[in-house]
Amino acid sequence: MNLAKRFVADESGATAIEYGLVAAMMGIAVVTIFTAFRGKLTEAFDTMGDALKTQASNIK
């Protein structure tokens, strides 16, 4: 019975679980944001890539 009471009162792993849940929620938020803005991000990176190609071709 004493072992069961100590097991129920033990909170040493609770913090690690909480940090894991927070990290999982942040990961889900990042994926959701990137998915929502995929078109705009693709357009922005394409524009930057084109600008870099133009500048690189001017150097040669």
Foldseek 3Di string as FASTA:
>chain_A
DVVVVCVVVDCPCVVVVVVVVVVVVVVVVVVVVCVVCVVVVVVVVVVVVVVVVVVVVVVD
